[in-house]
Amino acid sequence: MHLKRLFDFDGQSLKEGVLSVKEKELIVDAVPHTTGCPYCIDIHSKAAKKAGVTKEELAESILVATALKSGSALAHGVNALNVYDS
């Protein structure tokens, strides 16, 4: 029963709203590149293409996700290295 609610919520959140389906698919394809979910990447890359996202648009959203992920890795790295300064 809870899984059905999750899928219902997912479906509702991806419907056309203030953001277009295309814009939402760009977001939901970028996010799993930071969380590392290959299933989500596969599903949403296909959905993005279906929603009219171009290969170039998808590549750019992945680059943005990559930049954010590398920023967090750097920040956590600095925190780890700060152990040696205390």
PDB file of N, CA and C in Angstrom:
ATOM      1  N   MET A   1       0.814  -1.191   0.000  1.00  0.00           N
ATOM      2  CA  MET A   1       0.000   0.000   0.000  1.00  0.00           C
ATOM      3  C   MET A   1       0.862   1.261   0.000  1.00  0.00           C
ATOM      4  N   HIS A   2       1.924   1.301   0.789  1.00  0.00           N
ATOM      5  CA  HIS A   2       2.782   2.479   0.866  1.00  0.00           C
ATOM      6  C   HIS A   2       3.526   2.703  -0.445  1.00  0.00           C
ATOM      7  N   LEU A   3       3.903   1.639  -1.122  1.00  0.00           N
ATOM      8  CA  LEU A   3       4.592   1.768  -2.404  1.00  0.00           C
ATOM      9  C   LEU A   3       3.673   2.412  -3.439  1.00  0.00           C
ATOM     10  N   LYS A   4       2.403   2.051  -3.417  1.00  0.00           N
ATOM     11  CA  LYS A   4       1.440   2.660  -4.336  1.00  0.00           C
ATOM     12  C   LYS A   4       1.361   4.159  -4.079  1.00  0.00           C
ATOM     13  N   ARG A   5       1.353   4.554  -2.821  1.00  0.00           N
ATOM     14  CA  ARG A   5       1.308   5.982  -2.479  1.00  0.00           C
ATOM     15  C   ARG A   5       2.546   6.707  -3.005  1.00  0.00           C
ATOM     16  N   LEU A   6       3.690   6.068  -2.900  1.00  0.00           N
ATOM     17  CA  LEU A   6       4.921   6.658  -3.406  1.00  0.00           C
ATOM     18  C   LEU A   6       4.831   6.865  -4.914  1.00  0.00           C
ATOM     19  N   PHE A   7       4.357   5.847  -5.636  1.00  0.00           N
ATOM     20  CA  PHE A   7       4.230   5.967  -7.081  1.00  0.00           C
ATOM     21  C   PHE A   7       3.190   7.019  -7.459  1.00  0.00           C
ATOM     22  N   ASP A   8       2.105   7.106  -6.695  1.00  0.00           N
ATOM     23  CA  ASP A   8       1.099   8.141  -6.939  1.00  0.00           C
ATOM     24  C   ASP A   8       1.692   9.536  -6.726  1.00  0.00           C
ATOM     25  N   PHE A   9       2.433   9.688  -5.654  1.00  0.00           N
ATOM     26  CA  PHE A   9       3.082  10.968  -5.361  1.00  0.00           C
ATOM     27  C   PHE A   9       4.060  11.335  -6.473  1.00  0.00           C
ATOM     28  N   ASP A  10       4.848  10.363  -6.906  1.00  0.00           N
ATOM     29  CA  ASP A  10       5.815  10.579  -7.980  1.00  0.00           C
ATOM     30  C   ASP A  10       5.094  11.041  -9.249  1.00  0.00           C
ATOM     31  N   GLY A  11       4.027  10.353  -9.607  1.00  0.00           N
ATOM     32  CA  GLY A  11       3.270  10.709 -10.804  1.00  0.00           C
ATOM     33  C   GLY A  11       2.667  12.095 -10.719  1.00  0.00           C
ATOM     34  N   GLN A  12       2.121  12.433  -9.564  1.00  0.00           N
ATOM     35  CA  GLN A  12       1.523  13.754  -9.377  1.00  0.00           C
ATOM     36  C   GLN A  12       2.583  14.855  -9.454  1.00  0.00           C
ATOM     37  N   SER A  13       3.741  14.609  -8.875  1.00  0.00           N
ATOM     38  CA  SER A  13       4.781  15.640  -8.842  1.00  0.00           C
ATOM     39  C   SER A  13       5.372  15.915 -10.221  1.00  0.00           C
ATOM     40  N   LEU A  14       5.252  14.957 -11.131  1.00  0.00           N
ATOM     41  CA  LEU A  14       5.826  15.136 -12.467  1.00  0.00           C
ATOM     42  C   LEU A  14       4.821  15.645 -13.493  1.00  0.00           C
ATOM     43  N   LYS A  15       3.602  15.912 -13.053  1.00  0.00           N
ATOM     44  CA  LYS A  15       2.602  16.457 -13.972  1.00  0.00           C
ATOM     45  C   LYS A  15       2.909  17.920 -14.283  1.00  0.00           C
ATOM     46  N   GLU A  16       2.390  18.369 -15.413  1.00  0.00           N
ATOM     47  CA  GLU A  16       2.505  19.777 -15.803  1.00  0.00           C
ATOM     48  C   GLU A  16       1.989  20.656 -14.677  1.00  0.00           C
ATOM     49  N   GLY A  17       2.703  21.698 -14.370  1.00  0.00           N
ATOM     50  CA  GLY A  17       2.309  22.652 -13.341  1.00  0.00           C
ATOM     51  C   GLY A  17       2.936  23.989 -13.675  1.00  0.00           C
ATOM     52  N   VAL A  18       3.442  24.681 -12.668  1.00  0.00           N
ATOM     53  CA  VAL A  18       4.179  25.915 -12.916  1.00  0.00           C
ATOM     54  C   VAL A  18       5.404  25.595 -13.775  1.00  0.00           C
ATOM     55  N   LEU A  19       6.041  24.469 -13.463  1.00  0.00           N
ATOM     56  CA  LEU A  19       7.127  23.964 -14.313  1.00  0.00           C
ATOM     57  C   LEU A  19       6.533  23.006 -15.332  1.00  0.00           C
ATOM     58  N   SER A  20       7.075  23.030 -16.525  1.00  0.00           N
ATOM     59  CA  SER A  20       6.619  22.111 -17.566  1.00  0.00           C
ATOM     60  C   SER A  20       7.133  20.704 -17.271  1.00  0.00           C
ATOM     61  N   VAL A  21       6.539  19.728 -17.911  1.00  0.00           N
ATOM     62  CA  VAL A  21       7.013  18.340 -17.773  1.00  0.00           C
ATOM     63  C   VAL A  21       8.467  18.257 -18.231  1.00  0.00           C
ATOM     64  N   LYS A  22       8.788  18.964 -19.297  1.00  0.00           N
ATOM     65  CA  LYS A  22      10.166  18.969 -19.806  1.00  0.00           C
ATOM     66  C   LYS A  22      11.140  19.496 -18.745  1.00  0.00           C
ATOM     67  N   GLU A  23      10.781  20.603 -18.094  1.00  0.00           N
ATOM     68  CA  GLU A  23      11.649  21.156 -17.056  1.00  0.00           C
ATOM     69  C   GLU A  23      11.785  20.201 -15.882  1.00  0.00           C
ATOM     70  N   LYS A  24      10.686  19.591 -15.502  1.00  0.00           N
ATOM     71  CA  LYS A  24      10.729  18.640 -14.384  1.00  0.00           C
ATOM     72  C   LYS A  24      11.588  17.435 -14.725  1.00  0.00           C
ATOM     73  N   GLU A  25      11.514  16.954 -15.959  1.00  0.00           N
ATOM     74  CA  GLU A  25      12.340  15.803 -16.346  1.00  0.00           C
ATOM     75  C   GLU A  25      13.819  16.159 -16.364  1.00  0.00           C
ATOM     76  N   LEU A  26      14.152  17.396 -16.695  1.00  0.00           N
ATOM     77  CA  LEU A  26      15.554  17.821 -16.605  1.00  0.00           C
ATOM     78  C   LEU A  26      16.038  17.763 -15.160  1.00  0.00           C
ATOM     79  N   ILE A  27      15.178  18.169 -14.241  1.00  0.00           N
ATOM     80  CA  ILE A  27      15.530  18.133 -12.821  1.00  0.00           C
ATOM     81  C   ILE A  27      15.666  16.694 -12.345  1.00  0.00           C
ATOM     82  N   VAL A  28      14.636  15.881 -12.629  1.00  0.00           N
ATOM     83  CA  VAL A  28      14.661  14.516 -12.088  1.00  0.00           C
ATOM     84  C   VAL A  28      15.647  13.618 -12.803  1.00  0.00           C
ATOM     85  N   ASP A  29      16.212  14.073 -13.899  1.00  0.00           N
ATOM     86  CA  ASP A  29      17.301  13.308 -14.502  1.00  0.00           C
ATOM     87  C   ASP A  29      18.637  13.739 -13.909  1.00  0.00           C
ATOM     88  N   ALA A  30      18.749  14.998 -13.495  1.00  0.00           N
ATOM     89  CA  ALA A  30      20.003  15.479 -12.908  1.00  0.00           C
ATOM     90  C   ALA A  30      20.209  14.945 -11.493  1.00  0.00           C
ATOM     91  N   VAL A  31      19.145  14.885 -10.712  1.00  0.00           N
ATOM     92  CA  VAL A  31      19.258  14.489  -9.303  1.00  0.00           C
ATOM     93  C   VAL A  31      19.907  13.112  -9.123  1.00  0.00           C
ATOM     94  N   PRO A  32      19.482  12.070  -9.855  1.00  0.00           N
ATOM     95  CA  PRO A  32      20.129  10.775  -9.616  1.00  0.00           C
ATOM     96  C   PRO A  32      21.597  10.715 -10.048  1.00  0.00           C
ATOM     97  N   HIS A  33      22.040  11.706 -10.796  1.00  0.00           N
ATOM     98  CA  HIS A  33      23.476  11.764 -11.085  1.00  0.00           C
ATOM     99  C   HIS A  33      24.255  12.195  -9.846  1.00  0.00           C
ATOM    100  N   THR A  34      23.580  12.819  -8.887  1.00  0.00           N
ATOM    101  CA  THR A  34      24.230  13.156  -7.621  1.00  0.00           C
ATOM    102  C   THR A  34      24.020  12.071  -6.575  1.00  0.00           C
ATOM    103  N   THR A  35      22.909  11.330  -6.678  1.00  0.00           N
ATOM    104  CA  THR A  35      22.637  10.280  -5.698  1.00  0.00           C
ATOM    105  C   THR A  35      23.155   8.913  -6.142  1.00  0.00           C
ATOM    106  N   GLY A  36      23.450   8.784  -7.436  1.00  0.00           N
ATOM    107  CA  GLY A  36      24.018   7.544  -7.960  1.00  0.00           C
ATOM    108  C   GLY A  36      23.014   6.426  -8.166  1.00  0.00           C
ATOM    109  N   CYS A  37      21.809   6.761  -8.612  1.00  0.00           N
ATOM    110  CA  CYS A  37      20.788   5.737  -8.837  1.00  0.00           C
ATOM    111  C   CYS A  37      20.681   5.409 -10.333  1.00  0.00           C
ATOM    112  N   PRO A  38      21.295   4.317 -10.776  1.00  0.00           N
ATOM    113  CA  PRO A  38      21.256   3.983 -12.198  1.00  0.00           C
ATOM    114  C   PRO A  38      19.846   3.695 -12.715  1.00  0.00           C
ATOM    115  N   TYR A  39      18.991   3.135 -11.882  1.00  0.00           N
ATOM    116  CA  TYR A  39      17.607   2.859 -12.277  1.00  0.00           C
ATOM    117  C   TYR A  39      16.896   4.172 -12.599  1.00  0.00           C
ATOM    118  N   CYS A  40      17.030   5.153 -11.714  1.00  0.00           N
ATOM    119  CA  CYS A  40      16.390   6.456 -11.918  1.00  0.00           C
ATOM    120  C   CYS A  40      16.947   7.157 -13.153  1.00  0.00           C
ATOM    121  N   ILE A  41      18.253   7.081 -13.352  1.00  0.00           N
ATOM    122  CA  ILE A  41      18.874   7.692 -14.530  1.00  0.00           C
ATOM    123  C   ILE A  41      18.285   7.091 -15.798  1.00  0.00           C
ATOM    124  N   ASP A  42      18.169   5.786 -15.840  1.00  0.00           N
ATOM    125  CA  ASP A  42      17.625   5.108 -17.020  1.00  0.00           C
ATOM    126  C   ASP A  42      16.177   5.519 -17.276  1.00  0.00           C
ATOM    127  N   ILE A  43      15.354   5.422 -16.263  1.00  0.00           N
ATOM    128  CA  ILE A  43      13.922   5.741 -16.392  1.00  0.00           C
ATOM    129  C   ILE A  43      13.726   7.198 -16.813  1.00  0.00           C
ATOM    130  N   HIS A  44      14.417   8.110 -16.146  1.00  0.00           N
ATOM    131  CA  HIS A  44      14.166   9.528 -16.395  1.00  0.00           C
ATOM    132  C   HIS A  44      14.871  10.048 -17.644  1.00  0.00           C
ATOM    133  N   SER A  45      15.950   9.412 -18.073  1.00  0.00           N
ATOM    134  CA  SER A  45      16.553   9.798 -19.348  1.00  0.00           C
ATOM    135  C   SER A  45      15.586   9.488 -20.489  1.00  0.00           C
ATOM    136  N   LYS A  46      14.954   8.335 -20.409  1.00  0.00           N
ATOM    137  CA  LYS A  46      13.955   7.965 -21.421  1.00  0.00           C
ATOM    138  C   LYS A  46      12.747   8.886 -21.355  1.00  0.00           C
ATOM    139  N   ALA A  47      12.302   9.220 -20.139  1.00  0.00           N
ATOM    140  CA  ALA A  47      11.160  10.113 -19.976  1.00  0.00           C
ATOM    141  C   ALA A  47      11.502  11.526 -20.460  1.00  0.00           C
ATOM    142  N   ALA A  48      12.723  11.959 -20.228  1.00  0.00           N
ATOM    143  CA  ALA A  48      13.155  13.286 -20.687  1.00  0.00           C
ATOM    144  C   ALA A  48      13.119  13.356 -22.210  1.00  0.00           C
ATOM    145  N   LYS A  49      13.629  12.330 -22.855  1.00  0.00           N
ATOM    146  CA  LYS A  49      13.596  12.294 -24.319  1.00  0.00           C
ATOM    147  C   LYS A  49      12.156  12.352 -24.820  1.00  0.00           C
ATOM    148  N   LYS A  50      11.284  11.598 -24.177  1.00  0.00           N
ATOM    149  CA  LYS A  50       9.868  11.575 -24.552  1.00  0.00           C
ATOM    150  C   LYS A  50       9.220  12.950 -24.337  1.00  0.00           C
ATOM    151  N   ALA A  51       9.675  13.689 -23.325  1.00  0.00           N
ATOM    152  CA  ALA A  51       9.124  15.005 -23.014  1.00  0.00           C
ATOM    153  C   ALA A  51       9.697  16.109 -23.905  1.00  0.00           C
ATOM    154  N   GLY A  52      10.599  15.748 -24.816  1.00  0.00           N
ATOM    155  CA  GLY A  52      11.148  16.728 -25.747  1.00  0.00           C
ATOM    156  C   GLY A  52      12.478  17.332 -25.347  1.00  0.00           C
ATOM    157  N   VAL A  53      13.105  16.789 -24.311  1.00  0.00           N
ATOM    158  CA  VAL A  53      14.422  17.270 -23.900  1.00  0.00           C
ATOM    159  C   VAL A  53      15.440  16.824 -24.953  1.00  0.00           C
ATOM    160  N   THR A  54      16.268  17.774 -25.396  1.00  0.00           N
ATOM    161  CA  THR A  54      17.301  17.426 -26.382  1.00  0.00           C
ATOM    162  C   THR A  54      18.502  16.804 -25.677  1.00  0.00           C
ATOM    163  N   LYS A  55      19.322  16.144 -26.442  1.00  0.00           N
ATOM    164  CA  LYS A  55      20.537  15.540 -25.898  1.00  0.00           C
ATOM    165  C   LYS A  55      21.429  16.619 -25.274  1.00  0.00           C
ATOM    166  N   GLU A  56      21.498  17.781 -25.926  1.00  0.00           N
ATOM    167  CA  GLU A  56      22.317  18.882 -25.429  1.00  0.00           C
ATOM    168  C   GLU A  56      21.772  19.432 -24.107  1.00  0.00           C
ATOM    169  N   GLU A  57      20.448  19.548 -24.003  1.00  0.00           N
ATOM    170  CA  GLU A  57      19.841  20.013 -22.744  1.00  0.00           C
ATOM    171  C   GLU A  57      20.104  19.020 -21.621  1.00  0.00           C
ATOM    172  N   LEU A  58      19.969  17.744 -21.911  1.00  0.00           N
ATOM    173  CA  LEU A  58      20.214  16.715 -20.907  1.00  0.00           C
ATOM    174  C   LEU A  58      21.675  16.733 -20.468  1.00  0.00           C
ATOM    175  N   ALA A  59      22.576  16.866 -21.433  1.00  0.00           N
ATOM    176  CA  ALA A  59      24.006  16.917 -21.112  1.00  0.00           C
ATOM    177  C   ALA A  59      24.313  18.098 -20.197  1.00  0.00           C
ATOM    178  N   GLU A  60      23.694  19.244 -20.471  1.00  0.00           N
ATOM    179  CA  GLU A  60      23.940  20.417 -19.639  1.00  0.00           C
ATOM    180  C   GLU A  60      23.405  20.220 -18.221  1.00  0.00           C
ATOM    181  N   SER A  61      22.228  19.606 -18.092  1.00  0.00           N
ATOM    182  CA  SER A  61      21.690  19.370 -16.747  1.00  0.00           C
ATOM    183  C   SER A  61      22.580  18.383 -15.983  1.00  0.00           C
ATOM    184  N   ILE A  62      23.143  17.413 -16.671  1.00  0.00           N
ATOM    185  CA  ILE A  62      24.067  16.463 -16.030  1.00  0.00           C
ATOM    186  C   ILE A  62      25.345  17.174 -15.596  1.00  0.00           C
ATOM    187  N   LEU A  63      25.823  18.122 -16.417  1.00  0.00           N
ATOM    188  CA  LEU A  63      27.015  18.893 -16.039  1.00  0.00           C
ATOM    189  C   LEU A  63      26.757  19.736 -14.789  1.00  0.00           C
ATOM    190  N   VAL A  64      25.562  20.318 -14.691  1.00  0.00           N
ATOM    191  CA  VAL A  64      25.209  21.088 -13.493  1.00  0.00           C
ATOM    192  C   VAL A  64      25.208  20.171 -12.272  1.00  0.00           C
ATOM    193  N   ALA A  65      24.601  18.992 -12.409  1.00  0.00           N
ATOM    194  CA  ALA A  65      24.575  18.024 -11.305  1.00  0.00           C
ATOM    195  C   ALA A  65      25.996  17.610 -10.919  1.00  0.00           C
ATOM    196  N   THR A  66      26.844  17.415 -11.909  1.00  0.00           N
ATOM    197  CA  THR A  66      28.234  17.025 -11.663  1.00  0.00           C
ATOM    198  C   THR A  66      28.976  18.112 -10.894  1.00  0.00           C
ATOM    199  N   ALA A  67      28.738  19.365 -11.285  1.00  0.00           N
ATOM    200  CA  ALA A  67      29.389  20.488 -10.594  1.00  0.00           C
ATOM    201  C   ALA A  67      28.948  20.541  -9.136  1.00  0.00           C
ATOM    202  N   LEU A  68      27.657  20.357  -8.895  1.00  0.00           N
ATOM    203  CA  LEU A  68      27.164  20.384  -7.514  1.00  0.00           C
ATOM    204  C   LEU A  68      27.716  19.218  -6.702  1.00  0.00           C
ATOM    205  N   LYS A  69      27.761  18.040  -7.312  1.00  0.00           N
ATOM    206  CA  LYS A  69      28.280  16.858  -6.610  1.00  0.00           C
ATOM    207  C   LYS A  69      29.759  17.036  -6.286  1.00  0.00           C
ATOM    208  N   SER A  70      30.525  17.562  -7.231  1.00  0.00           N
ATOM    209  CA  SER A  70      31.951  17.736  -6.973  1.00  0.00           C
ATOM    210  C   SER A  70      32.170  18.797  -5.900  1.00  0.00           C
ATOM    211  N   GLY A  71      31.273  19.796  -5.854  1.00  0.00           N
ATOM    212  CA  GLY A  71      31.370  20.812  -4.804  1.00  0.00           C
ATOM    213  C   GLY A  71      31.173  20.215  -3.421  1.00  0.00           C
ATOM    214  N   SER A  72      30.222  19.296  -3.315  1.00  0.00           N
ATOM    215  CA  SER A  72      30.001  18.669  -2.007  1.00  0.00           C
ATOM    216  C   SER A  72      31.172  17.758  -1.636  1.00  0.00           C
ATOM    217  N   ALA A  73      31.732  17.086  -2.622  1.00  0.00           N
ATOM    218  CA  ALA A  73      32.893  16.230  -2.348  1.00  0.00           C
ATOM    219  C   ALA A  73      34.068  17.078  -1.856  1.00  0.00           C
ATOM    220  N   LEU A  74      34.258  18.240  -2.469  1.00  0.00           N
ATOM    221  CA  LEU A  74      35.326  19.142  -2.042  1.00  0.00           C
ATOM    222  C   LEU A  74      35.073  19.634  -0.613  1.00  0.00           C
ATOM    223  N   ALA A  75      33.841  20.050  -0.333  1.00  0.00           N
ATOM    224  CA  ALA A  75      33.516  20.543   1.005  1.00  0.00           C
ATOM    225  C   ALA A  75      33.740  19.467   2.066  1.00  0.00           C
ATOM    226  N   HIS A  76      33.309  18.243   1.783  1.00  0.00           N
ATOM    227  CA  HIS A  76      33.513  17.156   2.740  1.00  0.00           C
ATOM    228  C   HIS A  76      34.998  16.829   2.877  1.00  0.00           C
ATOM    229  N   GLY A  77      35.730  16.945   1.776  1.00  0.00           N
ATOM    230  CA  GLY A  77      37.178  16.718   1.821  1.00  0.00           C
ATOM    231  C   GLY A  77      37.883  17.730   2.703  1.00  0.00           C
ATOM    232  N   VAL A  78      37.491  18.983   2.588  1.00  0.00           N
ATOM    233  CA  VAL A  78      38.070  20.030   3.437  1.00  0.00           C
ATOM    234  C   VAL A  78      37.779  19.728   4.899  1.00  0.00           C
ATOM    235  N   ASN A  79      36.545  19.335   5.205  1.00  0.00           N
ATOM    236  CA  ASN A  79      36.197  18.976   6.585  1.00  0.00           C
ATOM    237  C   ASN A  79      37.048  17.826   7.093  1.00  0.00           C
ATOM    238  N   ALA A  80      37.265  16.831   6.261  1.00  0.00           N
ATOM    239  CA  ALA A  80      38.087  15.693   6.671  1.00  0.00           C
ATOM    240  C   ALA A  80      39.526  16.122   6.953  1.00  0.00           C
ATOM    241  N   LEU A  81      40.059  16.980   6.096  1.00  0.00           N
ATOM    242  CA  LEU A  81      41.440  17.446   6.273  1.00  0.00           C
ATOM    243  C   LEU A  81      41.585  18.378   7.466  1.00  0.00           C
ATOM    244  N   ASN A  82      40.514  19.070   7.843  1.00  0.00           N
ATOM    245  CA  ASN A  82      40.565  19.957   9.000  1.00  0.00           C
ATOM    246  C   ASN A  82      40.860  19.211  10.292  1.00  0.00           C
ATOM    247  N   VAL A  83      40.655  17.910  10.320  1.00  0.00           N
ATOM    248  CA  VAL A  83      40.956  17.087  11.502  1.00  0.00           C
ATOM    249  C   VAL A  83      42.431  17.254  11.872  1.00  0.00           C
ATOM    250  N   TYR A  84      43.280  17.430  10.875  1.00  0.00           N
ATOM    251  CA  TYR A  84      44.713  17.537  11.123  1.00  0.00           C
ATOM    252  C   TYR A  84      45.117  18.899  11.668  1.00  0.00           C
ATOM    253  N   ASP A  85      44.209  19.879  11.593  1.00  0.00           N
ATOM    254  CA  ASP A  85      44.515  21.220  12.072  1.00  0.00           C
ATOM    255  C   ASP A  85      44.058  21.447  13.511  1.00  0.00           C
ATOM    256  N   SER A  86      43.423  20.454  14.107  1.00  0.00           N
ATOM    257  CA  SER A  86      42.930  20.662  15.479  1.00  0.00           C
ATOM    258  C   SER A  86      43.694  19.859  16.482  1.00  0.00           C
TER     259      SER A  86
END
